[in-house]
C-alpha atoms as a PDB file:
ATOM      1  CA  MET A   1     -49.330 -19.349  10.190  1.00  0.00           C
ATOM      2  CA  LYS A   2     -46.654 -18.226  12.652  1.00  0.00           C
ATOM      3  CA  LYS A   3     -43.971 -19.644  10.368  1.00  0.00           C
ATOM      4  CA  ILE A   4     -45.357 -17.662   7.431  1.00  0.00           C
ATOM      5  CA  ILE A   5     -45.419 -14.433   9.446  1.00  0.00           C
ATOM      6  CA  PHE A   6     -41.847 -15.044  10.664  1.00  0.00           C
ATOM      7  CA  PHE A   7     -40.680 -15.690   7.099  1.00  0.00           C
ATOM      8  CA  LEU A   8     -42.349 -12.496   5.867  1.00  0.00           C
ATOM      9  CA  LEU A   9     -40.806 -10.446   8.672  1.00  0.00           C
ATOM     10  CA  LEU A  10     -37.379 -11.961   8.004  1.00  0.00           C
ATOM     11  CA  SER A  11     -37.714 -11.281   4.288  1.00  0.00           C
ATOM     12  CA  ALA A  12     -38.731  -7.671   4.958  1.00  0.00           C
ATOM     13  CA  SER A  13     -35.808  -7.231   7.327  1.00  0.00           C
ATOM     14  CA  MET A  14     -33.338  -8.593   4.781  1.00  0.00           C
ATOM     15  CA  ALA A  15     -34.805  -6.445   2.039  1.00  0.00           C
ATOM     16  CA  ALA A  16     -34.500  -3.350   4.217  1.00  0.00           C
ATOM     17  CA  GLN A  17     -30.831  -3.890   5.049  1.00  0.00           C
ATOM     18  CA  LYS A  18     -28.837  -0.826   4.209  1.00  0.00           C
ATOM     19  CA  VAL A  19     -26.093  -0.991   1.600  1.00  0.00           C
ATOM     20  CA  GLU A  20     -23.101   1.259   0.915  1.00  0.00           C
ATOM     21  CA  LEU A  21     -21.829   0.964  -2.647  1.00  0.00           C
ATOM     22  CA  ILE A  22     -18.206   1.178  -3.739  1.00  0.00           C
ATOM     23  CA  LYS A  23     -18.316   3.295  -6.878  1.00  0.00           C
ATOM     24  CA  LEU A  24     -15.385   2.997  -9.246  1.00  0.00           C
ATOM     25  CA  ASN A  25     -15.718   6.305 -11.046  1.00  0.00           C
ATOM     26  CA  GLN A  26     -12.429   8.121 -10.525  1.00  0.00           C
ATOM     27  CA  ASN A  27     -10.256   9.021 -13.505  1.00  0.00           C
ATOM     28  CA  ILE A  28      -8.018   6.134 -14.621  1.00  0.00           C
ATOM     29  CA  LYS A  29      -7.103   7.456 -18.058  1.00  0.00           C
ATOM     30  CA  ASP A  30      -3.598   6.485 -19.148  1.00  0.00           C
ATOM     31  CA  LYS A  31      -2.346   9.955 -20.078  1.00  0.00           C
ATOM     32  CA  PHE A  32       0.307   8.610 -22.434  1.00  0.00           C
ATOM     33  CA  SER A  33      -1.880   5.872 -23.974  1.00  0.00           C
ATOM     34  CA  ARG A  34       0.652   3.107 -23.277  1.00  0.00           C
ATOM     35  CA  THR A  35      -1.882   0.530 -22.109  1.00  0.00           C
ATOM     36  CA  LYS A  36      -3.879  -1.687 -24.452  1.00  0.00           C
ATOM     37  CA  SER A  37      -5.908  -3.631 -21.906  1.00  0.00           C
ATOM     38  CA  LEU A  38      -6.630  -4.080 -18.222  1.00  0.00           C
ATOM     39  CA  THR A  39      -7.589  -7.630 -17.275  1.00  0.00           C
ATOM     40  CA  VAL A  40      -8.890  -8.512 -13.821  1.00  0.00           C
ATOM     41  CA  ILE A  41      -8.069 -11.841 -12.166  1.00  0.00           C
ATOM     42  CA  ASP A  42     -10.261 -12.245  -9.091  1.00  0.00           C
ATOM     43  CA  ASN A  43      -8.514 -14.733  -6.782  1.00  0.00           C
ATOM     44  CA  ARG A  44     -10.379 -13.738  -3.617  1.00  0.00           C
ATOM     45  CA  THR A  45     -11.477 -16.735  -1.575  1.00  0.00           C
ATOM     46  CA  ASP A  46     -14.313 -14.677  -0.070  1.00  0.00           C
ATOM     47  CA  LYS A  47     -16.237 -12.405  -2.440  1.00  0.00           C
ATOM     48  CA  ASN A  48     -18.357 -11.003   0.411  1.00  0.00           C
ATOM     49  CA  LEU A  49     -16.779  -7.710   1.504  1.00  0.00           C
ATOM     50  CA  GLY A  50     -18.385  -7.415   4.926  1.00  0.00           C
ATOM     51  CA  THR A  51     -20.871  -5.447   7.006  1.00  0.00           C
ATOM     52  CA  VAL A  52     -20.258  -2.484   9.319  1.00  0.00           C
ATOM     53  CA  THR A  53     -22.419  -0.776  11.922  1.00  0.00           C
ATOM     54  CA  TYR A  54     -23.661   2.762  11.341  1.00  0.00           C
ATOM     55  CA  LYS A  55     -26.141   4.436  13.692  1.00  0.00           C
ATOM     56  CA  GLU A  56     -26.641   1.045  15.361  1.00  0.00           C
ATOM     57  CA  GLU A  57     -27.727  -0.555  12.093  1.00  0.00           C
ATOM     58  CA  PRO A  58     -25.806  -3.008   9.882  1.00  0.00           C
ATOM     59  CA  VAL A  59     -24.675  -1.643   6.529  1.00  0.00           C
ATOM     60  CA  GLN A  60     -23.439  -4.056   3.894  1.00  0.00           C
ATOM     61  CA  ILE A  61     -20.504  -2.915   1.748  1.00  0.00           C
ATOM     62  CA  LYS A  62     -20.791  -3.885  -1.921  1.00  0.00           C
ATOM     63  CA  PHE A  63     -19.420  -2.893  -5.299  1.00  0.00           C
ATOM     64  CA  THR A  64     -21.930  -1.079  -7.490  1.00  0.00           C
ATOM     65  CA  ASN A  65     -21.607  -4.012  -9.861  1.00  0.00           C
ATOM     66  CA  GLU A  66     -20.854  -7.272  -8.034  1.00  0.00           C
ATOM     67  CA  ASP A  67     -19.362  -8.709 -11.219  1.00  0.00           C
ATOM     68  CA  VAL A  68     -16.140  -6.998 -10.177  1.00  0.00           C
ATOM     69  CA  LYS A  69     -14.097  -8.275 -13.124  1.00  0.00           C
ATOM     70  CA  ASN A  70     -16.503  -6.804 -15.667  1.00  0.00           C
ATOM     71  CA  TYR A  71     -16.973  -3.655 -13.565  1.00  0.00           C
ATOM     72  CA  ILE A  72     -13.251  -2.797 -13.489  1.00  0.00           C
ATOM     73  CA  GLU A  73     -12.546  -3.787 -17.083  1.00  0.00           C
ATOM     74  CA  SER A  74     -15.485  -1.674 -18.297  1.00  0.00           C
ATOM     75  CA  TRP A  75     -14.252   1.223 -16.152  1.00  0.00           C
ATOM     76  CA  PHE A  76     -10.864   1.045 -17.864  1.00  0.00           C
ATOM     77  CA  ALA A  77     -12.428   0.771 -21.330  1.00  0.00           C
ATOM     78  CA  ALA A  78     -14.633   3.820 -20.736  1.00  0.00           C
ATOM     79  CA  ASP A  79     -11.692   5.978 -19.647  1.00  0.00           C
ATOM     80  CA  ASN A  80      -9.224   4.768 -22.300  1.00  0.00           C
ATOM     81  CA  LYS A  81     -10.402   5.140 -25.867  1.00  0.00           C
ATOM     82  CA  THR A  82      -6.870   5.431 -27.281  1.00  0.00           C
ATOM     83  CA  ARG A  83      -4.810   2.317 -26.562  1.00  0.00           C
ATOM     84  CA  GLY A  84      -1.136   1.420 -26.512  1.00  0.00           C
ATOM     85  CA  ASN A  85       0.705  -1.918 -26.399  1.00  0.00           C
ATOM     86  CA  ASN A  86       0.863  -2.894 -22.724  1.00  0.00           C
ATOM     87  CA  ASP A  87      -1.426  -5.536 -21.269  1.00  0.00           C
ATOM     88  CA  ILE A  88      -1.886  -4.999 -17.535  1.00  0.00           C
ATOM     89  CA  ALA A  89      -3.382  -7.572 -15.192  1.00  0.00           C
ATOM     90  CA  LEU A  90      -4.940  -6.655 -11.852  1.00  0.00           C
ATOM     91  CA  LEU A  91      -4.868  -9.511  -9.329  1.00  0.00           C
ATOM     92  CA  LEU A  92      -7.481  -9.210  -6.588  1.00  0.00           C
ATOM     93  CA  GLU A  93      -6.182 -11.174  -3.611  1.00  0.00           C
ATOM     94  CA  GLU A  94      -8.235  -9.937  -0.663  1.00  0.00           C
ATOM     95  CA  ILE A  95     -10.804  -7.260   0.158  1.00  0.00           C
ATOM     96  CA  THR A  96     -12.373  -7.900   3.571  1.00  0.00           C
ATOM     97  CA  ILE A  97     -13.984  -5.499   6.006  1.00  0.00           C
ATOM     98  CA  ASN A  98     -14.357  -6.412   9.684  1.00  0.00           C
ATOM     99  CA  ASP A  99     -16.472  -4.564  12.227  1.00  0.00           C
ATOM    100  CA  PHE A 100     -15.308  -4.616  15.875  1.00  0.00           C
ATOM    101  CA  LYS A 101     -18.415  -3.286  17.615  1.00  0.00           C
ATOM    102  CA  GLU A 102     -16.976  -3.435  21.118  1.00  0.00           C
ATOM    103  CA  THR A 103     -14.230  -0.945  20.229  1.00  0.00           C
ATOM    104  CA  GLY A 104     -15.990   1.069  17.529  1.00  0.00           C
ATOM    105  CA  MET A 105     -13.229   0.139  15.067  1.00  0.00           C
ATOM    106  CA  VAL A 106     -13.544  -1.116  11.506  1.00  0.00           C
ATOM    107  CA  LYS A 107     -10.593  -2.713   9.714  1.00  0.00           C
ATOM    108  CA  ALA A 108     -10.377  -2.957   5.933  1.00  0.00           C
ATOM    109  CA  LYS A 109      -7.810  -5.468   4.656  1.00  0.00           C
ATOM    110  CA  VAL A 110      -6.973  -4.877   1.001  1.00  0.00           C
ATOM    111  CA  LYS A 111      -4.452  -6.752  -1.128  1.00  0.00           C
ATOM    112  CA  ILE A 112      -4.384  -6.022  -4.856  1.00  0.00           C
ATOM    113  CA  SER A 113      -1.416  -6.497  -7.186  1.00  0.00           C
ATOM    114  CA  SER A 114      -0.678  -5.396 -10.728  1.00  0.00           C
ATOM    115  CA  PHE A 115       1.387  -7.099 -13.429  1.00  0.00           C
ATOM    116  CA  ILE A 116       2.318  -6.545 -17.040  1.00  0.00           C
ATOM    117  CA  ASN A 117       1.490  -9.544 -19.210  1.00  0.00           C
ATOM    118  CA  ARG A 118       3.957 -10.342 -21.961  1.00  0.00           C
ATOM    119  CA  ASN A 119       3.104 -13.473 -23.945  1.00  0.00           C
ATOM    120  CA  GLY A 120       1.617 -15.269 -20.967  1.00  0.00           C
ATOM    121  CA  LYS A 121       4.451 -14.318 -18.586  1.00  0.00           C
ATOM    122  CA  TYR A 122       3.525 -11.937 -15.784  1.00  0.00           C
ATOM    123  CA  TYR A 123       5.948  -9.318 -14.442  1.00  0.00           C
ATOM    124  CA  PHE A 124       5.177  -7.745 -11.077  1.00  0.00           C
ATOM    125  CA  ILE A 125       4.538  -3.988 -11.173  1.00  0.00           C
ATOM    126  CA  ASN A 126       3.172  -2.889  -7.811  1.00  0.00           C
ATOM    127  CA  ARG A 127       0.656  -3.761  -5.130  1.00  0.00           C
ATOM    128  CA  TYR A 128      -1.414  -2.402  -2.284  1.00  0.00           C
ATOM    129  CA  ASN A 129      -1.192  -4.727   0.702  1.00  0.00           C
ATOM    130  CA  ASN A 130      -2.403  -3.233   3.943  1.00  0.00           C
ATOM    131  CA  THR A 131      -5.011  -2.925   6.657  1.00  0.00           C
ATOM    132  CA  LEU A 132      -6.669   0.435   7.210  1.00  0.00           C
ATOM    133  CA  ASP A 133      -8.293   1.381  10.511  1.00  0.00           C
ATOM    134  CA  PHE A 134     -11.489   3.426  10.818  1.00  0.00           C
ATOM    135  CA  ASN A 135     -12.529   4.754  14.222  1.00  0.00           C
ATOM    136  CA  SER A 136     -16.203   5.619  14.758  1.00  0.00           C
ATOM    137  CA  LYS A 137     -15.160   8.289  17.294  1.00  0.00           C
ATOM    138  CA  VAL A 138     -13.420  10.357  14.616  1.00  0.00           C
ATOM    139  CA  THR A 139     -15.098   9.151  11.406  1.00  0.00           C
ATOM    140  CA  PRO A 140     -18.770  10.249  11.251  1.00  0.00           C
ATOM    141  CA  ASN A 141     -19.823   7.889   8.458  1.00  0.00           C
ATOM    142  CA  ILE A 142     -17.625   4.798   8.391  1.00  0.00           C
ATOM    143  CA  PRO A 143     -19.478   2.948   5.576  1.00  0.00           C
ATOM    144  CA  LYS A 144     -18.975   5.909   3.222  1.00  0.00           C
ATOM    145  CA  ALA A 145     -15.347   6.332   4.361  1.00  0.00           C
ATOM    146  CA  VAL A 146     -14.628   2.647   3.702  1.00  0.00           C
ATOM    147  CA  SER A 147     -16.229   2.679   0.252  1.00  0.00           C
ATOM    148  CA  SER A 148     -14.430   5.852  -0.863  1.00  0.00           C
ATOM    149  CA  THR A 149     -11.107   4.525   0.473  1.00  0.00           C
ATOM    150  CA  VAL A 150     -11.389   1.211  -1.395  1.00  0.00           C
ATOM    151  CA  SER A 151     -12.274   3.131  -4.545  1.00  0.00           C
ATOM    152  CA  ALA A 152      -9.224   5.372  -4.070  1.00  0.00           C
ATOM    153  CA  ILE A 153      -6.958   2.335  -3.635  1.00  0.00           C
ATOM    154  CA  PHE A 154      -8.103   0.911  -6.976  1.00  0.00           C
ATOM    155  CA  SER A 155      -7.685   4.161  -8.909  1.00  0.00           C
ATOM    156  CA  THR A 156      -4.318   4.971  -7.299  1.00  0.00           C
ATOM    157  CA  LEU A 157      -2.876   1.530  -8.014  1.00  0.00           C
ATOM    158  CA  ILE A 158      -4.174   1.422 -11.587  1.00  0.00           C
ATOM    159  CA  ASN A 159      -2.889   4.912 -12.419  1.00  0.00           C
ATOM    160  CA  ASP A 160       0.485   4.090 -10.864  1.00  0.00           C
ATOM    161  CA  SER A 161       0.745   0.831 -12.809  1.00  0.00           C
ATOM    162  CA  TYR A 162       0.677   2.584 -16.192  1.00  0.00           C
ATOM    163  CA  SER A 163       4.186   4.003 -15.678  1.00  0.00           C
ATOM    164  CA  HIS A 164       5.701   2.052 -12.771  1.00  0.00           C
ATOM    165  CA  ILE A 165       8.755  -0.036 -13.718  1.00  0.00           C
ATOM    166  CA  ALA A 166       8.012  -3.775 -13.592  1.00  0.00           C
ATOM    167  CA  LEU A 167      10.384  -6.277 -12.017  1.00  0.00           C
ATOM    168  CA  SER A 168      12.320  -8.519 -14.399  1.00  0.00           C
ATOM    169  CA  THR A 169      11.335 -11.915 -12.973  1.00  0.00           C
ATOM    170  CA  PRO A 170       8.661 -13.675 -15.098  1.00  0.00           C
ATOM    171  CA  VAL A 171       5.843 -15.498 -13.336  1.00  0.00           C
ATOM    172  CA  PRO A 172       3.995 -18.206 -15.322  1.00  0.00           C
ATOM    173  CA  GLU A 173       0.233 -17.727 -15.394  1.00  0.00           C
ATOM    174  CA  ALA A 174      -0.283 -21.075 -13.663  1.00  0.00           C
ATOM    175  CA  GLU A 175       1.827 -19.870 -10.720  1.00  0.00           C
ATOM    176  CA  LEU A 176       0.424 -16.363 -10.456  1.00  0.00           C
ATOM    177  CA  ALA A 177      -1.227 -17.077  -7.104  1.00  0.00           C
ATOM    178  CA  ASN A 178       2.230 -17.896  -5.723  1.00  0.00           C
ATOM    179  CA  TYR A 179       4.080 -14.943  -7.259  1.00  0.00           C
ATOM    180  CA  GLU A 180       5.730 -13.490  -4.143  1.00  0.00           C
ATOM    181  CA  PRO A 181       8.321 -16.224  -3.403  1.00  0.00           C
ATOM    182  CA  ILE A 182       9.081 -16.496  -7.128  1.00  0.00           C
ATOM    183  CA  VAL A 183       9.752 -12.772  -7.462  1.00  0.00           C
ATOM    184  CA  SER A 184      11.560 -12.489  -4.105  1.00  0.00           C
ATOM    185  CA  LYS A 185      14.259 -14.978  -5.154  1.00  0.00           C
ATOM    186  CA  ASN A 186      15.709 -12.400  -7.550  1.00  0.00           C
ATOM    187  CA  ILE A 187      15.474  -9.300  -5.351  1.00  0.00           C
ATOM    188  CA  LYS A 188      19.037  -8.462  -4.417  1.00  0.00           C
ATOM    189  CA  TYR A 189      18.607  -6.866  -0.989  1.00  0.00           C
ATOM    190  CA  LEU A 190      16.553  -9.823   0.241  1.00  0.00           C
ATOM    191  CA  ASN A 191      19.253 -12.323  -0.687  1.00  0.00           C
ATOM    192  CA  ALA A 192      22.514 -10.414  -0.176  1.00  0.00           C
ATOM    193  CA  ALA A 193      24.906 -11.789   2.445  1.00  0.00           C
ATOM    194  CA  GLU A 194      25.682  -8.183   3.388  1.00  0.00           C
ATOM    195  CA  LEU A 195      24.045  -4.920   2.355  1.00  0.00           C
ATOM    196  CA  THR A 196      26.097  -2.464   0.308  1.00  0.00           C
ATOM    197  CA  ALA A 197      27.123   0.670   2.224  1.00  0.00           C
ATOM    198  CA  GLY A 198      25.940   4.023   0.909  1.00  0.00           C
ATOM    199  CA  VAL A 199      22.967   6.351   0.507  1.00  0.00           C
ATOM    200  CA  TYR A 200      19.813   5.246  -1.344  1.00  0.00           C
ATOM    201  CA  THR A 201      17.441   7.738  -2.924  1.00  0.00           C
ATOM    202  CA  ASP A 202      14.480   5.370  -3.277  1.00  0.00           C
ATOM    203  CA  PHE A 203      13.357   1.835  -2.554  1.00  0.00           C
ATOM    204  CA  ARG A 204      14.181   0.663  -6.079  1.00  0.00           C
ATOM    205  CA  SER A 205      17.858   1.595  -5.699  1.00  0.00           C
ATOM    206  CA  PHE A 206      17.893  -0.077  -2.276  1.00  0.00           C
ATOM    207  CA  SER A 207      16.232  -3.173  -3.739  1.00  0.00           C
ATOM    208  CA  LEU A 208      18.906  -3.348  -6.448  1.00  0.00           C
ATOM    209  CA  GLN A 209      21.635  -2.489  -3.918  1.00  0.00           C
ATOM    210  CA  LYS A 210      22.867   0.435  -6.007  1.00  0.00           C
ATOM    211  CA  PRO A 211      23.651   3.382  -3.708  1.00  0.00           C
ATOM    212  CA  GLN A 212      23.746   6.908  -5.114  1.00  0.00           C
ATOM    213  CA  GLU A 213      27.247   7.925  -6.149  1.00  0.00           C
ATOM    214  CA  GLY A 214      28.592  11.061  -4.474  1.00  0.00           C
ATOM    215  CA  TYR A 215      26.026  11.021  -1.635  1.00  0.00           C
ATOM    216  CA  TYR A 216      27.186  10.575   1.931  1.00  0.00           C
ATOM    217  CA  VAL A 217      25.904  10.719   5.504  1.00  0.00           C
ATOM    218  CA  ASP A 218      26.878  13.889   7.372  1.00  0.00           C
ATOM    219  CA  LYS A 219      27.377  13.634  11.140  1.00  0.00           C
ATOM    220  CA  ASN A 220      28.135  16.057  13.940  1.00  0.00           C
ATOM    221  CA  LYS A 221      30.897  15.733  16.520  1.00  0.00           C
ATOM    222  CA  LYS A 222      28.702  13.482  18.650  1.00  0.00           C
ATOM    223  CA  GLY A 223      28.265  11.072  15.759  1.00  0.00           C
ATOM    224  CA  ARG A 224      24.627  11.934  15.143  1.00  0.00           C
ATOM    225  CA  VAL A 225      23.373  12.141  11.586  1.00  0.00           C
ATOM    226  CA  THR A 226      22.622  15.739  10.641  1.00  0.00           C
ATOM    227  CA  GLY A 227      21.697  15.102   7.039  1.00  0.00           C
ATOM    228  CA  ILE A 228      22.625  13.646   3.684  1.00  0.00           C
ATOM    229  CA  LYS A 229      24.979  15.596   1.430  1.00  0.00           C
ATOM    230  CA  ASN A 230      25.857  15.281  -2.234  1.00  0.00           C
ATOM    231  CA  ARG A 231      29.226  15.590  -3.989  1.00  0.00           C
ATOM    232  CA  GLU A 232      28.874  19.403  -4.003  1.00  0.00           C
ATOM    233  CA  ASN A 233      28.692  19.199  -0.199  1.00  0.00           C
ATOM    234  CA  LEU A 234      25.109  20.468  -0.294  1.00  0.00           C
ATOM    235  CA  MET A 235      22.390  19.102   1.976  1.00  0.00           C
ATOM    236  CA  VAL A 236      19.925  16.856   0.133  1.00  0.00           C
ATOM    237  CA  SER A 237      16.192  17.233   0.756  1.00  0.00           C
ATOM    238  CA  GLY A 238      14.578  14.457   2.802  1.00  0.00           C
ATOM    239  CA  GLU A 239      12.106  13.965  -0.053  1.00  0.00           C
ATOM    240  CA  GLU A 240      14.978  12.611  -2.165  1.00  0.00           C
ATOM    241  CA  ILE A 241      16.185  10.047   0.374  1.00  0.00           C
ATOM    242  CA  PHE A 242      15.037   6.507   1.173  1.00  0.00           C
ATOM    243  CA  GLY A 243      17.805   5.722   3.650  1.00  0.00           C
ATOM    244  CA  TYR A 244      21.375   4.576   3.986  1.00  0.00           C
ATOM    245  CA  VAL A 245      23.461   1.525   4.865  1.00  0.00           C
ATOM    246  CA  GLU A 246      26.401   1.736   7.256  1.00  0.00           C
ATOM    247  CA  ASP A 247      28.408  -1.082   8.865  1.00  0.00           C
ATOM    248  CA  GLY A 248      26.010  -3.622   7.347  1.00  0.00           C
ATOM    249  CA  LYS A 249      22.925  -1.989   8.923  1.00  0.00           C
ATOM    250  CA  ALA A 250      20.162  -0.253   6.973  1.00  0.00           C
ATOM    251  CA  TYR A 251      18.499   2.939   8.206  1.00  0.00           C
ATOM    252  CA  ARG A 252      15.282   4.265   6.717  1.00  0.00           C
ATOM    253  CA  LEU A 253      14.114   7.863   6.764  1.00  0.00           C
ATOM    254  CA  THR A 254      10.728   8.279   8.472  1.00  0.00           C
ATOM    255  CA  PRO A 255       8.824  11.209  10.001  1.00  0.00           C
ATOM    256  CA  ALA A 256      10.478  10.118  13.277  1.00  0.00           C
ATOM    257  CA  GLY A 257      13.979  10.320  11.796  1.00  0.00           C
ATOM    258  CA  PHE A 258      16.260   7.560  10.527  1.00  0.00           C
ATOM    259  CA  LEU A 259      15.149   4.241  12.017  1.00  0.00           C
ATOM    260  CA  GLU A 260      17.122   1.028  11.748  1.00  0.00           C
ATOM    261  CA  MET A 261      15.637  -1.584   9.438  1.00  0.00           C
ATOM    262  CA  GLU A 262      16.048  -4.737  11.479  1.00  0.00           C
ATOM    263  CA  LYS A 263      15.430  -8.238  10.162  1.00  0.00           C
ATOM    264  CA  ASP A 264      13.970 -11.469  11.468  1.00  0.00           C
ATOM    265  CA  GLY A 265      12.384 -14.590   9.980  1.00  0.00           C
ATOM    266  CA  LYS A 266       9.413 -12.550   8.710  1.00  0.00           C
ATOM    267  CA  GLY A 267      11.520  -9.950   6.940  1.00  0.00           C
ATOM    268  CA  TYR A 268      12.681  -6.366   7.440  1.00  0.00           C
ATOM    269  CA  TYR A 269      10.940  -4.085   9.926  1.00  0.00           C
ATOM    270  CA  VAL A 270      11.280  -0.841  11.853  1.00  0.00           C
ATOM    271  CA  VAL A 271      10.310  -0.416  15.499  1.00  0.00           C
ATOM    272  CA  SER A 272       7.658   2.272  15.251  1.00  0.00           C
ATOM    273  CA  SER A 273       3.894   2.792  15.087  1.00  0.00           C
ATOM    274  CA  ARG A 274       1.206   3.876  12.663  1.00  0.00           C
ATOM    275  CA  LEU A 275       1.023   7.187  14.531  1.00  0.00           C
ATOM    276  CA  GLU A 276       4.734   7.865  13.978  1.00  0.00           C
ATOM    277  CA  LEU A 277       4.894   6.771  10.358  1.00  0.00           C
ATOM    278  CA  PHE A 278       1.643   8.500   9.407  1.00  0.00           C
ATOM    279  CA  PRO A 279       1.220  11.536  11.699  1.00  0.00           C
ATOM    280  CA  PRO A 280      -2.310  12.674  12.686  1.00  0.00           C
ATOM    281  CA  GLN A 281      -2.512  15.325   9.957  1.00  0.00           C
ATOM    282  CA  ASN A 282      -2.453  12.501   7.396  1.00  0.00           C
ATOM    283  CA  ASN A 283      -5.836  10.960   6.681  1.00  0.00           C
ATOM    284  CA  ASN A 284      -6.361   7.567   5.031  1.00  0.00           C
ATOM    285  CA  GLY A 285      -6.313   9.176   1.594  1.00  0.00           C
ATOM    286  CA  VAL A 286      -2.878  10.644   2.201  1.00  0.00           C
ATOM    287  CA  MET A 287      -1.775   7.323   3.686  1.00  0.00           C
ATOM    288  CA  ILE A 288      -2.780   5.503   0.511  1.00  0.00           C
ATOM    289  CA  GLY A 289      -0.866   7.963  -1.647  1.00  0.00           C
ATOM    290  CA  ALA A 290       2.181   7.769   0.606  1.00  0.00           C
ATOM    291  CA  MET A 291       2.185   3.979   0.502  1.00  0.00           C
ATOM    292  CA  MET A 292       2.055   4.008  -3.270  1.00  0.00           C
ATOM    293  CA  GLY A 293       4.662   6.743  -3.639  1.00  0.00           C
ATOM    294  CA  GLY A 294       7.455   5.691  -1.310  1.00  0.00           C
ATOM    295  CA  MET A 295       6.436   8.010   1.533  1.00  0.00           C
ATOM    296  CA  VAL A 296       7.592  11.127  -0.340  1.00  0.00           C
ATOM    297  CA  GLY A 297       4.676  13.272   0.767  1.00  0.00           C
ATOM    298  CA  ALA A 298       4.784  12.024   4.322  1.00  0.00           C
ATOM    299  CA  LEU A 299       8.419  12.974   4.862  1.00  0.00           C
ATOM    300  CA  ILE A 300       8.190  16.726   4.392  1.00  0.00           C
ATOM    301  CA  GLY A 301       9.799  18.316   7.409  1.00  0.00           C
ATOM    302  CA  ALA A 302      10.960  15.003   8.855  1.00  0.00           C
ATOM    303  CA  ALA A 303      13.648  15.085  11.510  1.00  0.00           C
ATOM    304  CA  ILE A 304      17.114  13.928  10.471  1.00  0.00           C
ATOM    305  CA  ASP A 305      18.370  11.952  13.446  1.00  0.00           C
ATOM    306  CA  SER A 306      19.837   8.461  13.289  1.00  0.00           C
ATOM    307  CA  SER A 307      18.367   7.572  16.676  1.00  0.00           C
ATOM    308  CA  GLY A 308      14.952   9.002  15.892  1.00  0.00           C
ATOM    309  CA  SER A 309      14.576   9.810  19.605  1.00  0.00           C
ATOM    310  CA  ALA A 310      13.948  13.512  19.069  1.00  0.00           C
ATOM    311  CA  ARG A 311      10.652  12.849  17.295  1.00  0.00           C
ATOM    312  CA  ARG A 312       9.460   9.732  19.078  1.00  0.00           C
ATOM    313  CA  SER A 313       5.873  10.121  20.219  1.00  0.00           C
ATOM    314  CA  SER A 314       5.226   9.369  23.868  1.00  0.00           C
ATOM    315  CA  ASN A 315       1.634   8.446  22.969  1.00  0.00           C
ATOM    316  CA  ALA A 316       2.594   5.791  20.436  1.00  0.00           C
ATOM    317  CA  GLU A 317       2.843   2.112  21.282  1.00  0.00           C
ATOM    318  CA  LEU A 318       5.926   0.952  19.425  1.00  0.00           C
ATOM    319  CA  SER A 319       6.001  -2.426  17.710  1.00  0.00           C
ATOM    320  CA  ASN A 320       7.593  -4.167  14.734  1.00  0.00           C
ATOM    321  CA  ILE A 321       6.209  -2.564  11.562  1.00  0.00           C
ATOM    322  CA  TYR A 322       7.170  -4.833   8.680  1.00  0.00           C
ATOM    323  CA  ILE A 323       8.154  -3.632   5.238  1.00  0.00           C
ATOM    324  CA  ASP A 324       6.598  -5.101   2.132  1.00  0.00           C
ATOM    325  CA  PRO A 325       9.532  -6.939   0.489  1.00  0.00           C
ATOM    326  CA  LEU A 326       8.344  -6.146  -3.036  1.00  0.00           C
ATOM    327  CA  THR A 327       7.324  -2.498  -2.685  1.00  0.00           C
ATOM    328  CA  GLY A 328       9.128  -1.173   0.395  1.00  0.00           C
ATOM    329  CA  GLU A 329       5.866   0.078   1.899  1.00  0.00           C
ATOM    330  CA  TYR A 330       4.877  -0.450   5.522  1.00  0.00           C
ATOM    331  CA  THR A 331       2.372  -3.200   6.263  1.00  0.00           C
ATOM    332  CA  PHE A 332      -0.027  -3.038   9.200  1.00  0.00           C
END
């Protein structure tokens, strides 16, 4: 009898567990009708997203429809009645949410990549590959914040993939799970013996090692960088600059100024912090947009200083922040 009562209580407890649903309902209409189909390849080893604590109770995070492949493909079909010629594939690599009760922090690790499929060959377009932090001290409802953030990542990546230029290296379907080393072999900046000196307006030009003609680094008498100028000797807006290479060293423009892009066995990195790269006024939504858009929005008003010391935050713990080799975005 006791076993029956225990089973009934356990069943009632499980049934009563709270759930926060990830709703994929943002607009993903291809405005120029270039895309014919969106196919989802779910390569996640763990389909369970995770559980977080809210008001001292566990809340399970789930998609509204747990058949995620069908859910996303139906979402695309509903928003895109007029079709084009491009077949886009969305590769789900990881979506895991971890609750650290002792610190009140929740971490959401999301890795999703997009490709264009041409006759069974896949060409890398873009990806979101990062860990987002949620702090219960500043986020009133973490389950809702997590679900809305994951939804925003999907819609932002899909909308970006309609027009983003794909890389030229084909990846066979059988090797899609191992696409990164295949694609990286043909990325010039990763394999160059020495980086090409000059000013780069975006990550793509840096990746191809094609500096902008007529642009140059302007310095004062002390040798500090005061800005980037064009051939008309006019100062160029920070929003138009990725960074520059000088004496074989690469410097990237950040909200803390120009920081050197150093390199080790794991890849390129800057010595900085999340707080420096994404100042407090930026919420996770802005951070997602900045990561997808080459930090354009996050650089408004950034200091131009090759040392970066003028804007370094005394409250930030500096560490190696690595740069995604395929997208140029920061990875945490």
